[in-house]
N, C-alpha and C. Protein backbone atom coordinates (compact mmCIF):
# COMPACT_ATOMS: atom_id res chain seq x y z
N UNK A 1 33.68 -6.73 -64.22
CA UNK A 1 32.93 -6.61 -63.30
C UNK A 1 32.15 -6.02 -63.08
N UNK A 2 30.76 -6.26 -63.05
CA UNK A 2 29.64 -5.03 -62.71
C UNK A 2 28.98 -5.28 -61.37
N UNK A 3 29.00 -3.23 -61.23
CA UNK A 3 28.93 -2.45 -59.85
C UNK A 3 27.36 -3.02 -59.68
N UNK A 4 26.95 -3.25 -58.94
CA UNK A 4 26.06 -3.26 -57.59
C UNK A 4 25.97 -2.22 -56.64
N UNK A 5 25.01 -2.14 -55.88
CA UNK A 5 24.46 -0.81 -54.99
C UNK A 5 24.58 -2.07 -53.74
N UNK A 6 24.83 -3.28 -53.62
CA UNK A 6 24.99 -3.92 -52.66
C UNK A 6 25.65 -3.23 -51.77
N UNK A 7 25.64 -3.23 -50.27
CA UNK A 7 26.06 -2.51 -49.36
C UNK A 7 27.23 -3.84 -48.76
N UNK A 8 28.80 -3.82 -48.69
CA UNK A 8 29.24 -4.47 -48.42
C UNK A 8 28.94 -5.10 -46.77
N UNK A 9 29.41 -6.49 -46.50
CA UNK A 9 28.94 -7.27 -45.32
C UNK A 9 29.55 -6.18 -44.16
N UNK A 10 29.09 -6.19 -43.59
CA UNK A 10 29.75 -5.41 -42.18
C UNK A 10 30.32 -6.61 -41.25
N UNK A 11 31.22 -6.53 -40.69
CA UNK A 11 32.28 -7.87 -39.06
C UNK A 11 32.29 -7.32 -38.12
N UNK A 12 33.01 -7.28 -37.57
CA UNK A 12 33.04 -6.78 -36.30
C UNK A 12 34.32 -7.34 -35.96
N UNK A 13 35.59 -6.29 -35.70
CA UNK A 13 36.73 -6.56 -34.05
C UNK A 13 37.00 -6.03 -33.38
N UNK A 14 38.32 -5.46 -33.33
CA UNK A 14 37.94 -4.77 -31.98
C UNK A 14 38.64 -3.26 -32.95
N UNK A 15 38.56 -2.83 -33.79
CA UNK A 15 38.74 -1.51 -34.87
C UNK A 15 37.25 -1.06 -34.65
N UNK A 16 36.16 -2.22 -34.09
CA UNK A 16 34.94 -1.18 -34.42
C UNK A 16 33.83 -0.77 -33.14
N UNK A 17 35.06 -0.94 -32.14
CA UNK A 17 35.17 0.55 -31.04
C UNK A 17 34.61 1.69 -31.83
N UNK A 18 33.88 2.35 -31.48
CA UNK A 18 33.14 3.91 -31.43
C UNK A 18 32.10 4.51 -32.65
N UNK A 19 31.85 2.68 -33.65
CA UNK A 19 31.44 3.13 -34.69
C UNK A 19 30.06 2.69 -34.70
N UNK A 20 29.53 4.16 -35.50
CA UNK A 20 27.78 4.40 -34.88
C UNK A 20 27.51 3.45 -36.00
N UNK A 21 26.15 2.49 -35.48
CA UNK A 21 25.42 1.82 -36.20
C UNK A 21 23.96 1.63 -35.60
N UNK A 22 22.97 1.42 -36.82
CA UNK A 22 21.88 1.54 -36.34
C UNK A 22 21.71 -0.47 -35.52
N UNK A 23 20.06 -0.42 -34.63
CA UNK A 23 19.95 -2.08 -34.34
C UNK A 23 19.91 -2.74 -35.16
N UNK A 24 19.04 -3.06 -36.14
CA UNK A 24 19.11 -3.43 -37.57
C UNK A 24 20.35 -3.80 -37.96
N UNK A 25 21.07 -2.95 -38.34
CA UNK A 25 23.06 -3.22 -38.62
C UNK A 25 23.17 -4.15 -37.83
N UNK A 26 23.09 -4.02 -36.27
CA UNK A 26 24.06 -5.05 -35.21
C UNK A 26 23.36 -5.99 -35.52
N UNK A 27 21.93 -6.18 -35.37
CA UNK A 27 21.34 -7.96 -35.53
C UNK A 27 21.87 -8.60 -36.54
N UNK A 28 22.71 -7.76 -37.51
CA UNK A 28 22.32 -8.59 -38.95
C UNK A 28 23.65 -8.96 -39.11
N UNK A 29 24.49 -8.89 -38.03
CA UNK A 29 25.80 -9.31 -38.29
C UNK A 29 26.11 -10.31 -38.21
N UNK A 30 26.82 -11.02 -38.71
CA UNK A 30 27.15 -12.68 -38.93
C UNK A 30 28.65 -12.65 -38.03
N UNK A 31 29.57 -11.93 -39.11
CA UNK A 31 31.13 -12.40 -39.08
C UNK A 31 31.64 -11.83 -37.70
N UNK A 32 32.50 -11.88 -37.02
CA UNK A 32 32.91 -11.20 -35.86
C UNK A 32 34.17 -12.05 -35.56
N UNK A 33 35.26 -11.19 -34.49
CA UNK A 33 36.47 -11.53 -34.37
C UNK A 33 36.16 -12.12 -32.65
N UNK A 34 36.11 -13.20 -32.25
CA UNK A 34 35.16 -14.17 -31.24
C UNK A 34 36.27 -13.61 -29.93
N UNK A 35 37.36 -13.33 -30.08
CA UNK A 35 38.13 -13.06 -28.79
C UNK A 35 37.70 -11.45 -28.13
N UNK A 36 36.75 -11.28 -29.07
CA UNK A 36 36.23 -9.76 -28.08
C UNK A 36 34.88 -10.22 -27.84
N UNK A 37 34.15 -8.92 -27.23
CA UNK A 37 32.56 -8.87 -26.92
C UNK A 37 31.68 -7.60 -27.23
N UNK A 38 31.16 -7.66 -27.95
CA UNK A 38 30.16 -6.70 -28.68
C UNK A 38 28.93 -5.81 -28.15
N UNK A 39 28.47 -4.71 -28.11
CA UNK A 39 27.57 -4.22 -27.60
C UNK A 39 26.92 -3.17 -28.22
N UNK A 40 26.03 -2.95 -28.33
CA UNK A 40 25.38 -1.43 -28.91
C UNK A 40 24.86 -0.35 -27.89
N UNK A 41 25.51 0.34 -27.73
CA UNK A 41 24.90 1.61 -26.22
C UNK A 41 24.84 2.77 -27.30
N UNK A 42 23.35 3.37 -27.61
CA UNK A 42 22.94 4.10 -28.04
C UNK A 42 23.54 4.91 -29.36
N UNK A 43 23.52 3.14 -30.19
CA UNK A 43 23.98 3.53 -31.76
C UNK A 43 25.39 3.67 -31.91
N UNK A 44 26.08 3.31 -30.58
CA UNK A 44 27.59 3.43 -31.06
C UNK A 44 27.77 1.84 -30.55
N UNK A 45 28.83 1.54 -31.48
CA UNK A 45 29.58 -0.25 -30.88
C UNK A 45 30.57 0.80 -29.99
N UNK A 46 30.28 -0.70 -29.22
CA UNK A 46 31.49 -0.86 -27.49
C UNK A 46 31.97 -2.13 -28.07
N UNK A 47 33.23 -2.16 -27.81
CA UNK A 47 33.68 -3.49 -27.83
C UNK A 47 34.91 -3.82 -26.81
N UNK A 48 34.84 -4.87 -25.93
CA UNK A 48 35.43 -5.69 -24.66
C UNK A 48 36.06 -6.79 -25.25
N UNK A 49 37.06 -7.09 -24.04
CA UNK A 49 37.20 -8.40 -24.22
C UNK A 49 36.42 -9.49 -23.59
N UNK A 50 36.44 -10.47 -24.54
CA UNK A 50 36.25 -11.96 -23.94
C UNK A 50 35.87 -12.13 -22.34
N UNK A 51 35.44 -12.53 -21.52
CA UNK A 51 35.25 -13.00 -20.65
C UNK A 51 36.03 -13.69 -19.77
N UNK A 52 37.40 -13.29 -18.81
CA UNK A 52 37.96 -14.19 -18.67
C UNK A 52 37.63 -15.69 -17.45
N UNK A 53 38.37 -16.69 -17.63
CA UNK A 53 37.86 -17.47 -17.29
C UNK A 53 37.34 -17.59 -15.74
N UNK A 54 38.10 -16.68 -14.48
CA UNK A 54 37.63 -16.18 -13.65
C UNK A 54 35.94 -15.96 -13.39
N UNK A 55 35.61 -15.29 -14.44
CA UNK A 55 33.82 -14.97 -14.90
C UNK A 55 33.66 -16.10 -15.26
N UNK A 56 33.83 -16.81 -16.55
CA UNK A 56 32.89 -17.65 -17.02
C UNK A 56 32.87 -18.90 -16.58
N UNK A 57 33.98 -19.46 -15.32
CA UNK A 57 33.83 -20.82 -14.14
C UNK A 57 32.61 -20.43 -13.65
N UNK A 58 32.26 -19.36 -12.80
CA UNK A 58 31.14 -19.26 -11.39
C UNK A 58 30.10 -19.01 -12.65
N UNK A 59 30.01 -18.53 -13.74
CA UNK A 59 29.03 -18.32 -14.69
C UNK A 59 28.47 -20.05 -14.73
N UNK A 60 29.38 -20.54 -15.09
CA UNK A 60 29.22 -22.12 -15.38
C UNK A 60 28.64 -23.01 -14.64
N UNK A 61 29.05 -22.48 -13.26
CA UNK A 61 28.32 -22.66 -11.94
C UNK A 61 27.17 -22.95 -11.58
N UNK A 62 26.75 -21.18 -12.27
CA UNK A 62 25.72 -21.02 -11.73
C UNK A 62 24.33 -21.53 -12.95
N UNK A 63 25.03 -21.71 -14.00
CA UNK A 63 24.08 -22.57 -14.57
C UNK A 63 23.62 -24.28 -14.29
N UNK A 64 24.92 -24.15 -13.80
CA UNK A 64 24.77 -25.76 -13.39
C UNK A 64 23.81 -26.25 -12.02
N UNK A 65 23.79 -25.32 -11.07
CA UNK A 65 22.67 -25.00 -10.03
C UNK A 65 21.73 -24.58 -10.53
N UNK A 66 21.13 -23.39 -11.60
CA UNK A 66 19.72 -23.04 -12.13
C UNK A 66 19.23 -24.76 -12.50
N UNK A 67 20.04 -25.46 -13.91
CA UNK A 67 19.65 -26.28 -14.09
C UNK A 67 19.14 -27.81 -12.84
N UNK A 68 19.94 -27.36 -12.41
CA UNK A 68 19.92 -28.50 -10.87
C UNK A 68 18.77 -28.59 -10.24
N UNK A 69 18.21 -27.21 -10.26
CA UNK A 69 16.98 -27.12 -9.50
C UNK A 69 15.71 -27.18 -10.46
N UNK A 70 15.80 -26.80 -11.52
CA UNK A 70 15.04 -27.22 -12.17
C UNK A 70 14.33 -28.45 -12.70
N UNK A 71 15.73 -29.39 -12.72
CA UNK A 71 15.39 -30.89 -12.88
C UNK A 71 14.79 -31.78 -11.16
N UNK A 72 15.32 -31.05 -10.48
CA UNK A 72 15.16 -31.61 -8.95
C UNK A 72 14.00 -31.08 -8.17
N UNK A 73 14.13 -29.63 -7.97
CA UNK A 73 12.63 -29.05 -6.86
C UNK A 73 11.19 -29.56 -7.61
N UNK A 74 10.68 -29.36 -6.74
CA UNK A 74 9.50 -29.52 -7.23
C UNK A 74 8.67 -28.59 -8.22
N UNK A 75 9.36 -26.99 -7.41
CA UNK A 75 8.81 -25.76 -8.15
C UNK A 75 9.56 -25.04 -9.38
N UNK A 76 10.81 -26.08 -9.74
CA UNK A 76 12.17 -25.92 -10.40
C UNK A 76 11.31 -25.78 -11.79
N UNK A 77 10.61 -26.25 -12.42
CA UNK A 77 10.11 -26.13 -13.82
C UNK A 77 9.49 -24.85 -14.33
N UNK A 78 9.76 -23.55 -12.78
CA UNK A 78 9.28 -22.33 -13.30
C UNK A 78 10.54 -21.56 -14.25
N UNK A 79 11.64 -22.35 -14.16
CA UNK A 79 12.32 -21.80 -15.01
C UNK A 79 12.79 -22.72 -16.65
N UNK A 80 12.04 -21.20 -17.21
CA UNK A 80 11.91 -21.76 -18.98
C UNK A 80 13.23 -22.38 -19.69
N UNK A 81 14.32 -21.59 -18.91
CA UNK A 81 15.37 -21.39 -19.74
C UNK A 81 16.43 -20.53 -19.09
N UNK A 82 17.85 -20.89 -19.28
CA UNK A 82 19.17 -20.06 -19.20
C UNK A 82 20.01 -20.04 -19.74
N UNK A 83 20.60 -18.76 -20.32
CA UNK A 83 21.62 -19.26 -21.07
C UNK A 83 22.68 -18.07 -21.04
N UNK A 84 23.85 -18.40 -21.21
CA UNK A 84 25.06 -17.74 -20.88
C UNK A 84 25.30 -16.56 -22.13
N UNK A 85 26.06 -15.39 -21.89
CA UNK A 85 26.39 -14.70 -22.75
C UNK A 85 25.12 -14.16 -24.09
N UNK A 86 24.28 -13.96 -23.15
CA UNK A 86 22.79 -13.48 -23.99
C UNK A 86 22.75 -12.24 -24.50
N UNK A 87 22.20 -11.77 -25.76
CA UNK A 87 22.02 -10.22 -25.71
C UNK A 87 20.64 -10.17 -25.60
N UNK A 88 20.89 -9.07 -24.78
CA UNK A 88 19.43 -8.31 -24.32
C UNK A 88 19.19 -7.13 -24.92
N UNK A 89 17.32 -7.13 -25.20
CA UNK A 89 17.13 -5.57 -25.85
C UNK A 89 16.81 -5.05 -25.09
N UNK A 90 17.85 -4.06 -25.12
CA UNK A 90 17.75 -2.30 -24.22
C UNK A 90 17.24 -1.06 -25.47
N UNK A 91 16.54 0.11 -24.95
CA UNK A 91 16.44 1.33 -25.70
C UNK A 91 17.63 1.53 -26.15
N UNK A 92 17.66 1.53 -27.79
CA UNK A 92 18.35 2.09 -28.89
C UNK A 92 19.45 1.29 -28.59
N UNK A 93 19.80 -0.17 -28.51
CA UNK A 93 21.20 -1.04 -28.40
C UNK A 93 20.79 -2.25 -27.50
N UNK A 94 21.51 -3.08 -27.75
CA UNK A 94 21.88 -4.02 -27.53
C UNK A 94 23.08 -4.42 -26.34
N UNK A 95 22.86 -5.41 -25.34
CA UNK A 95 23.45 -5.02 -23.63
C UNK A 95 23.83 -6.78 -24.01
N UNK A 96 24.95 -7.08 -23.61
CA UNK A 96 25.23 -8.62 -23.97
C UNK A 96 25.32 -9.18 -22.56
N UNK A 97 24.67 -9.81 -21.50
CA UNK A 97 24.64 -9.97 -20.06
C UNK A 97 25.28 -11.59 -20.21
N UNK A 98 26.05 -11.48 -19.02
CA UNK A 98 26.63 -13.01 -18.67
C UNK A 98 26.17 -14.14 -18.67
N UNK A 99 24.65 -13.92 -17.84
CA UNK A 99 23.51 -15.00 -17.84
C UNK A 99 22.07 -14.18 -18.05
N UNK A 100 21.44 -15.11 -18.72
CA UNK A 100 19.54 -14.49 -18.90
C UNK A 100 19.13 -15.67 -18.49
N UNK A 101 17.63 -15.51 -17.56
CA UNK A 101 17.39 -16.55 -16.62
C UNK A 101 15.64 -15.84 -17.32
N UNK A 102 14.63 -16.69 -17.63
CA UNK A 102 13.69 -16.83 -18.35
C UNK A 102 12.65 -17.42 -17.20
N UNK A 103 11.50 -17.21 -16.67
CA UNK A 103 11.03 -17.76 -15.80
C UNK A 103 9.56 -17.45 -15.60
N UNK A 104 8.86 -18.43 -15.64
CA UNK A 104 7.51 -18.02 -15.34
C UNK A 104 6.37 -17.88 -16.98
N UNK A 105 6.61 -18.14 -17.58
CA UNK A 105 6.36 -17.87 -18.76
C UNK A 105 5.70 -19.69 -19.11
N UNK A 106 5.95 -20.68 -18.92
CA UNK A 106 5.33 -21.58 -19.04
C UNK A 106 6.09 -21.93 -20.51
N UNK A 107 6.81 -22.03 -21.04
CA UNK A 107 7.13 -22.69 -22.83
C UNK A 107 8.63 -22.43 -23.28
N UNK A 108 9.13 -22.42 -24.00
CA UNK A 108 10.63 -21.99 -24.74
C UNK A 108 10.20 -20.36 -24.83
N UNK A 109 11.17 -20.00 -24.41
CA UNK A 109 11.06 -18.48 -24.63
C UNK A 109 11.42 -17.84 -26.22
N UNK A 110 10.78 -16.62 -26.46
CA UNK A 110 11.30 -16.08 -27.67
C UNK A 110 12.51 -15.10 -27.45
N UNK A 111 13.54 -15.19 -27.73
CA UNK A 111 14.79 -14.38 -27.14
C UNK A 111 14.63 -13.27 -27.97
N UNK A 112 13.59 -12.83 -28.73
CA UNK A 112 13.27 -11.66 -29.80
C UNK A 112 12.14 -10.94 -28.83
N UNK A 113 11.66 -11.65 -28.62
CA UNK A 113 9.89 -11.30 -28.10
C UNK A 113 9.96 -10.99 -26.22
N UNK A 114 10.59 -12.24 -26.00
CA UNK A 114 10.42 -12.69 -24.22
C UNK A 114 11.79 -11.69 -23.50
N UNK A 115 11.28 -10.89 -22.76
CA UNK A 115 12.57 -10.33 -21.61
C UNK A 115 12.48 -11.49 -20.39
N UNK A 116 14.14 -11.53 -20.02
CA UNK A 116 14.32 -12.49 -19.03
C UNK A 116 13.92 -12.00 -17.91
N UNK A 117 13.84 -12.79 -16.87
CA UNK A 117 13.44 -12.36 -15.67
C UNK A 117 14.21 -11.75 -14.68
N UNK A 118 15.08 -12.28 -15.17
CA UNK A 118 16.91 -12.10 -14.29
C UNK A 118 17.81 -11.96 -15.13
N UNK A 119 18.67 -11.07 -15.32
CA UNK A 119 19.95 -11.02 -16.08
C UNK A 119 21.08 -11.04 -14.74
N UNK A 120 22.12 -11.76 -15.23
CA UNK A 120 23.46 -11.90 -14.13
C UNK A 120 24.23 -11.30 -14.88
N UNK A 121 25.21 -10.25 -14.19
CA UNK A 121 26.38 -9.73 -14.44
C UNK A 121 27.67 -10.29 -13.62
N UNK A 122 28.73 -11.08 -14.29
CA UNK A 122 30.09 -11.16 -13.35
C UNK A 122 30.86 -10.05 -13.11
N UNK A 123 31.46 -8.87 -12.46
CA UNK A 123 31.97 -7.85 -12.57
C UNK A 123 33.46 -8.03 -13.15
N UNK A 124 34.08 -7.22 -13.94
CA UNK A 124 35.08 -7.58 -14.82
C UNK A 124 36.32 -6.97 -13.84
N UNK A 125 37.47 -7.01 -14.02
CA UNK A 125 38.04 -6.36 -13.15
C UNK A 125 38.50 -4.67 -13.85
N UNK A 126 38.29 -4.85 -14.53
CA UNK A 126 38.73 -2.95 -15.36
C UNK A 126 37.62 -2.02 -14.69
N UNK A 127 38.30 -0.65 -14.16
CA UNK A 127 37.35 0.02 -13.82
C UNK A 127 36.08 0.20 -14.30
N UNK A 128 36.43 0.73 -15.88
CA UNK A 128 35.60 0.96 -17.14
C UNK A 128 34.04 -0.58 -16.79
N UNK A 129 34.36 -1.37 -16.84
CA UNK A 129 33.68 -2.38 -16.65
C UNK A 129 32.67 -2.62 -15.31
N UNK A 130 33.39 -2.61 -14.03
CA UNK A 130 32.98 -2.27 -12.64
C UNK A 130 31.45 -1.43 -12.92
N UNK A 131 31.74 -0.19 -13.77
CA UNK A 131 30.79 0.81 -13.78
C UNK A 131 29.90 0.29 -14.42
N UNK A 132 30.17 0.03 -15.63
CA UNK A 132 29.20 -0.31 -16.53
C UNK A 132 28.06 -1.79 -16.25
N UNK A 133 28.60 -2.80 -15.37
CA UNK A 133 27.62 -3.48 -14.76
C UNK A 133 27.31 -3.42 -13.66
N UNK A 134 27.88 -1.97 -13.07
CA UNK A 134 27.12 -1.72 -11.73
C UNK A 134 26.35 -0.57 -11.55
N UNK A 135 25.97 0.16 -12.60
CA UNK A 135 25.52 1.85 -12.85
C UNK A 135 24.96 1.09 -14.35
N UNK A 136 25.58 1.50 -15.36
CA UNK A 136 24.73 1.26 -16.58
C UNK A 136 24.24 0.37 -17.17
N UNK A 137 24.69 -0.71 -16.67
CA UNK A 137 23.48 -1.95 -17.33
C UNK A 137 22.67 -2.11 -16.97
N UNK A 138 22.33 -2.15 -15.21
CA UNK A 138 21.08 -1.98 -14.28
C UNK A 138 20.24 -1.06 -15.10
N UNK A 139 20.46 0.36 -14.56
CA UNK A 139 19.51 1.10 -15.26
C UNK A 139 18.95 0.76 -16.76
N UNK A 140 19.56 0.76 -17.88
CA UNK A 140 18.72 -0.11 -18.67
C UNK A 140 18.17 -1.58 -18.49
N UNK A 141 18.62 -2.44 -17.22
CA UNK A 141 17.87 -3.48 -17.49
C UNK A 141 16.40 -3.25 -17.18
N UNK A 142 16.40 -2.02 -15.78
CA UNK A 142 15.13 -2.18 -15.52
C UNK A 142 14.69 -1.19 -16.67
N UNK A 143 14.96 -0.78 -16.84
CA UNK A 143 13.76 0.44 -18.07
C UNK A 143 13.43 -0.61 -19.04
N UNK A 144 14.52 -1.64 -19.32
CA UNK A 144 13.82 -2.67 -20.69
C UNK A 144 12.67 -3.41 -20.10
N UNK A 145 12.41 -3.47 -18.51
CA UNK A 145 11.25 -4.32 -18.23
C UNK A 145 11.68 -5.89 -17.49
N UNK A 146 13.15 -5.55 -17.38
CA UNK A 146 13.73 -7.17 -16.59
C UNK A 146 13.37 -7.04 -15.06
N UNK A 147 13.22 -7.81 -14.33
CA UNK A 147 12.55 -8.31 -12.85
C UNK A 147 13.73 -7.94 -12.01
N UNK A 148 14.61 -8.29 -12.21
CA UNK A 148 15.63 -8.53 -11.41
C UNK A 148 17.31 -8.58 -12.02
N UNK A 149 18.02 -7.99 -11.45
CA UNK A 149 19.71 -7.94 -12.02
C UNK A 149 20.87 -8.29 -10.66
N UNK A 150 21.29 -9.25 -11.56
CA UNK A 150 22.10 -9.92 -9.83
C UNK A 150 24.02 -9.29 -11.07
N UNK A 151 24.73 -8.81 -9.82
CA UNK A 151 25.83 -7.81 -10.17
C UNK A 151 26.52 -9.16 -8.92
N UNK A 152 27.50 -9.75 -9.79
CA UNK A 152 28.25 -10.32 -8.75
C UNK A 152 29.83 -10.38 -8.79
N UNK A 153 30.19 -9.79 -7.83
CA UNK A 153 31.00 -9.13 -7.50
C UNK A 153 32.21 -9.96 -6.95
N UNK A 154 33.42 -10.59 -7.46
CA UNK A 154 34.23 -11.46 -6.87
C UNK A 154 34.79 -10.57 -6.16
N UNK A 155 35.50 -9.66 -6.36
CA UNK A 155 36.67 -8.08 -5.97
C UNK A 155 36.11 -7.81 -4.48
N UNK A 156 34.79 -7.46 -4.20
CA UNK A 156 34.00 -6.87 -3.58
C UNK A 156 33.58 -8.37 -2.62
N UNK A 157 33.40 -9.17 -3.23
CA UNK A 157 32.76 -10.20 -2.47
C UNK A 157 31.54 -9.92 -1.78
N UNK A 158 30.84 -9.90 -2.88
CA UNK A 158 29.44 -9.95 -2.87
C UNK A 158 28.49 -9.45 -4.35
N UNK A 159 27.27 -10.02 -3.68
CA UNK A 159 26.15 -9.53 -5.01
C UNK A 159 25.07 -8.67 -4.60
N UNK A 160 24.74 -7.87 -5.37
CA UNK A 160 24.18 -7.19 -5.44
C UNK A 160 22.70 -7.27 -6.35
N UNK A 161 21.93 -7.08 -5.84
CA UNK A 161 20.45 -7.41 -6.27
C UNK A 161 19.65 -5.84 -6.42
N UNK A 162 19.30 -5.86 -7.88
CA UNK A 162 18.38 -4.60 -8.30
C UNK A 162 17.39 -5.10 -8.64
N UNK A 163 16.28 -4.56 -8.41
CA UNK A 163 14.88 -4.96 -8.53
C UNK A 163 14.37 -3.69 -9.29
N UNK A 164 14.59 -3.02 -10.22
CA UNK A 164 14.01 -1.47 -11.17
C UNK A 164 14.31 -0.19 -9.91
N UNK A 165 12.11 -0.33 -9.74
CA UNK A 165 12.75 1.22 -8.72
C UNK A 165 13.03 0.74 -7.57
N UNK A 166 12.77 -0.50 -6.82
CA UNK A 166 12.88 -0.70 -5.68
C UNK A 166 14.41 -0.64 -5.04
N UNK A 167 14.40 -0.45 -3.14
CA UNK A 167 15.86 -0.49 -3.10
C UNK A 167 16.71 -1.75 -3.73
N UNK A 168 18.57 -1.81 -3.81
CA UNK A 168 19.25 -2.46 -3.96
C UNK A 168 19.01 -3.52 -3.08
N UNK A 169 19.55 -4.71 -3.08
CA UNK A 169 20.17 -5.28 -1.99
C UNK A 169 21.44 -5.93 -1.74
N UNK A 170 22.02 -6.04 -1.46
CA UNK A 170 23.44 -6.45 -1.16
C UNK A 170 23.47 -8.06 -0.54
N UNK A 171 23.91 -9.02 -1.21
CA UNK A 171 24.64 -9.90 -0.07
C UNK A 171 25.62 -10.32 -0.45
N UNK A 172 25.97 -11.09 0.84
CA UNK A 172 27.24 -10.49 1.08
C UNK A 172 28.19 -12.23 1.23
N UNK A 173 29.34 -12.26 1.33
CA UNK A 173 30.21 -13.83 1.41
C UNK A 173 29.94 -14.08 2.83
N UNK A 174 28.94 -15.74 2.61
CA UNK A 174 28.12 -16.22 3.93
C UNK A 174 26.98 -16.11 3.83
N UNK A 175 26.37 -15.40 2.80
CA UNK A 175 24.75 -15.34 2.90
C UNK A 175 24.55 -15.99 1.71
N UNK A 176 22.97 -16.69 1.53
CA UNK A 176 22.33 -16.78 0.35
C UNK A 176 21.45 -15.92 0.01
N UNK A 177 21.24 -16.18 -1.08
CA UNK A 177 20.01 -15.49 -1.27
C UNK A 177 19.06 -16.41 -2.47
N UNK A 178 17.57 -16.07 -1.97
CA UNK A 178 16.60 -16.42 -2.48
C UNK A 178 15.76 -14.96 -2.93
N UNK A 179 14.67 -15.76 -4.17
CA UNK A 179 14.21 -14.58 -4.99
C UNK A 179 12.72 -15.43 -5.41
N UNK A 180 11.61 -14.59 -5.11
CA UNK A 180 10.22 -15.14 -5.27
C UNK A 180 10.50 -15.29 -6.93
N UNK A 181 11.24 -14.58 -7.79
CA UNK A 181 10.91 -15.39 -8.78
C UNK A 181 11.65 -16.79 -9.17
N UNK A 182 12.06 -17.34 -8.67
CA UNK A 182 12.25 -18.77 -8.18
C UNK A 182 12.34 -19.78 -6.97
N UNK A 183 10.90 -19.58 -6.93
CA UNK A 183 10.59 -20.14 -5.55
C UNK A 183 11.34 -21.46 -4.99
N UNK A 184 12.07 -21.61 -3.93
CA UNK A 184 12.69 -22.76 -3.57
C UNK A 184 14.08 -22.86 -3.89
N UNK A 185 14.82 -21.52 -5.04
CA UNK A 185 15.83 -21.90 -5.32
C UNK A 185 17.01 -21.35 -3.90
N UNK A 186 17.97 -21.56 -3.87
CA UNK A 186 18.53 -21.28 -3.05
C UNK A 186 20.21 -20.89 -3.39
N UNK A 187 20.75 -19.33 -3.58
CA UNK A 187 22.06 -19.17 -3.89
C UNK A 187 22.77 -18.93 -3.00
N UNK A 188 23.84 -19.67 -2.28
CA UNK A 188 24.77 -19.84 -1.61
C UNK A 188 26.05 -18.84 -2.02
N UNK A 189 26.09 -17.61 -1.85
CA UNK A 189 26.72 -16.62 -2.86
C UNK A 189 28.83 -17.50 -2.68
N UNK A 190 29.15 -17.99 -2.04
CA UNK A 190 30.48 -18.45 -1.49
C UNK A 190 30.46 -19.65 -2.36
N UNK A 191 29.37 -20.19 -2.40
CA UNK A 191 29.32 -21.19 -4.16
C UNK A 191 30.06 -20.83 -5.00
N UNK A 192 29.64 -19.75 -5.52
CA UNK A 192 30.52 -19.38 -6.82
C UNK A 192 31.86 -18.38 -6.57
N UNK A 193 31.84 -17.84 -5.32
CA UNK A 193 33.00 -17.37 -5.26
C UNK A 193 34.21 -18.49 -5.27
N UNK A 194 34.01 -19.08 -4.51
CA UNK A 194 34.84 -20.39 -4.11
C UNK A 194 35.33 -20.42 -5.65
N UNK A 195 34.95 -20.82 -6.62
CA UNK A 195 34.93 -21.21 -7.75
C UNK A 195 35.90 -19.86 -8.57
N UNK A 196 35.68 -18.78 -8.47
CA UNK A 196 36.35 -17.51 -9.10
C UNK A 196 37.85 -17.40 -8.38
N UNK A 197 37.81 -18.13 -7.02
CA UNK A 197 38.85 -17.71 -6.16
C UNK A 197 40.23 -18.43 -6.52
N UNK A 198 39.59 -19.10 -7.81
CA UNK A 198 40.67 -20.38 -8.19
C UNK A 198 41.64 -19.17 -9.01
N UNK A 199 40.77 -18.74 -9.84
CA UNK A 199 41.25 -17.67 -10.53
C UNK A 199 41.69 -16.14 -10.25
N UNK A 200 41.79 -15.67 -8.85
CA UNK A 200 41.90 -14.28 -8.53
C UNK A 200 43.03 -14.44 -7.33
N UNK A 201 43.98 -13.59 -8.17
CA UNK A 201 45.64 -13.24 -7.59
C UNK A 201 45.57 -12.84 -6.39
């Protein structure tokens, strides 16, 4: 066998948690265990369980509402695209948003160059994940230039909207959220909570 200096291919699984890695190395990975989610935080790989159905189902419902708004509302074309489980470029790392929404570009977004206008997180049950979604990610998203982050908490039954430097807004069960980024779009929080309730014991 002829020896080469070519590095071994990198793959990710549960054992990758805590490994130091460059952004370029992380972006080049093609093989990974789909039972887990992977983020790069300050040059360190963080491994988390894949989203539960209690997180995925309301996320699907939100995607449906956004697409219906884009197709049926007079101003809906402001939505350029929306995608679930989307990597977001943050300082010295990559975060995985439960949903990303691009608006106002007037074209198909370039995921490597165009920052989403809105990112959405559905809170997981673990305390570590609560802090990640409510605090860590929101700060990173604001620093990356994302206009709004929505943190939907099925356990506290509310949604927290962060607009970077401005004061956060809390939408409670029974209330409807509207944003200037999506004129005419209405998000009744209970519509999403009722979906997640099927999976909350």
